[in-house]
Protein backbone atom coordinates (compact mmCIF):
# COMPACT_ATOMS: atom_id res chain seq x y z
CA MET A 1 116.34 100.28 111.61
CA GLU A 2 117.84 102.73 109.15
CA ASP A 3 117.84 99.96 106.63
CA PHE A 4 114.20 98.99 107.40
CA LEU A 5 112.97 102.42 107.33
CA GLY A 6 115.01 103.02 103.84
CA LYS A 7 113.67 99.98 102.15
CA PHE A 8 109.99 100.80 103.26
CA GLY A 9 110.39 104.26 102.16
CA HIS A 10 111.80 102.94 98.72
CA LYS A 11 108.67 100.79 98.45
CA VAL A 12 106.40 103.72 99.11
CA LYS A 13 108.17 105.85 96.56
CA GLU A 14 107.98 103.15 93.88
CA PHE A 15 104.10 102.39 94.38
CA ARG A 16 103.48 106.25 94.43
CA LYS A 17 105.28 106.80 91.23
CA LEU A 18 103.51 103.63 89.60
CA SER A 19 100.24 105.29 90.60
CA GLY A 20 101.47 108.64 88.81
CA LEU A 21 101.14 110.77 91.73
CA SER A 22 103.28 113.64 92.57
CA GLN A 23 104.55 113.86 96.25
CA GLU A 24 102.18 116.77 96.69
CA LYS A 25 99.09 114.99 95.58
CA PHE A 26 100.02 111.90 97.48
CA ALA A 27 100.35 113.76 100.57
CA GLU A 28 96.96 115.42 99.93
CA LEU A 29 95.42 112.09 99.39
CA ILE A 30 97.05 110.39 102.38
CA GLU A 31 96.30 113.55 104.55
CA VAL A 32 99.95 114.34 105.50
CA SER A 33 102.16 117.25 104.49
CA PRO A 34 104.38 116.85 101.53
CA THR A 35 107.43 117.21 103.88
CA THR A 36 106.06 114.03 105.75
CA VAL A 37 106.12 112.17 102.57
CA THR A 38 109.57 113.10 101.58
CA ALA A 39 110.63 111.92 105.09
CA ILE A 40 108.87 108.56 104.65
CA GLU A 41 110.23 107.79 101.15
CA THR A 42 113.70 108.72 102.30
CA GLY A 43 113.56 106.51 105.41
CA ARG A 44 113.89 109.36 108.00
CA ASN A 45 110.55 108.81 109.49
CA PHE A 46 108.00 105.70 109.64
CA VAL A 47 104.11 105.93 109.29
CA THR A 48 101.25 105.85 111.83
CA TYR A 49 98.85 103.19 111.48
CA ALA A 50 96.31 105.68 110.07
CA THR A 51 98.72 106.90 107.61
CA LEU A 52 99.66 103.35 106.49
CA LYS A 53 95.84 102.57 106.17
CA ASN A 54 95.81 105.78 103.86
CA ILE A 55 98.67 104.92 101.93
CA CYS A 56 97.48 101.43 101.05
CA GLU A 57 94.08 102.63 100.22
CA VAL A 58 95.26 105.55 97.83
CA LEU A 59 97.84 103.07 96.01
CA ASN A 60 95.53 100.21 96.02
CA ILE A 61 97.88 97.71 97.55
CA GLU A 62 97.91 95.59 100.66
CA PRO A 63 100.14 96.63 103.49
CA LYS A 64 102.30 93.46 102.93
CA GLN A 65 103.58 94.65 99.63
CA LEU A 66 105.23 97.81 101.39
CA PHE A 67 107.15 95.07 103.85
CA ASP A 68 108.00 92.55 101.16
CA PHE A 69 111.81 93.69 100.86
CA GLU A 70 112.79 90.21 98.98
CA THR A 71 111.37 91.17 95.93
CA THR A 72 112.30 94.49 94.26
CA ASP A 73 111.66 93.60 90.72
CA GLY A 74 108.08 92.77 91.27
CA LEU A 75 107.04 96.37 90.88
CA VAL A 76 108.69 96.82 87.56
CA GLU A 77 107.42 93.53 86.15
CA ASN A 78 103.82 94.32 87.46
CA SER A 79 103.88 97.97 86.86
CA SER A 80 101.34 97.74 83.96
CA LEU A 81 98.98 95.57 85.74
CA HIS A 82 99.27 97.87 88.59
CA LYS A 83 98.30 100.72 86.43
CA ILE A 84 95.16 98.72 84.69
CA ILE A 85 93.97 98.08 88.40
CA VAL A 86 94.25 101.60 89.47
CA HIS A 87 92.68 103.35 86.41
CA SER A 88 89.98 100.45 86.32
CA LYS A 89 88.87 101.15 89.82
CA GLN A 90 88.27 104.86 88.46
CA LEU A 91 85.65 103.62 85.99
CA THR A 92 81.98 102.97 86.32
CA SER A 93 80.75 99.33 86.59
CA GLU A 94 79.69 99.43 82.80
CA GLN A 95 83.25 100.64 81.86
CA GLN A 96 84.85 98.01 83.65
CA LYS A 97 82.77 95.34 81.90
CA GLN A 98 83.75 96.96 78.64
CA VAL A 99 87.40 96.78 79.44
CA ILE A 100 87.07 93.22 80.59
CA GLU A 101 85.43 92.41 77.15
CA ILE A 102 88.33 94.38 75.38
CA LEU A 103 91.16 92.55 77.37
CA LYS A 104 89.33 89.19 76.43
CA THR A 105 89.90 89.98 72.75
CA PHE A 106 94.02 89.74 73.45
CA LYS A 107 93.84 86.01 74.04
């Protein structure tokens, strides 16, 4: 079980860092203490369903991405894409349309 918890915690930490969140801000957003975030990321604790749901919402990921231990390099390969998605969600609809038009120029 330790190996599972460690791998899961590592995934949470990688996605948190990709999103540019400190442990403190992440803890606030997922409604747990910073100590709990540390315990999750180091594999000492697992999460409740509510916390898992909050983690996925805050990080803008599907739960299955946290449990896919086979692909560890995928995060690095897709980190730019993940950042684009996270930042785009914070834009207005009109701003998102502008970003799309800008991205189309790179074909």
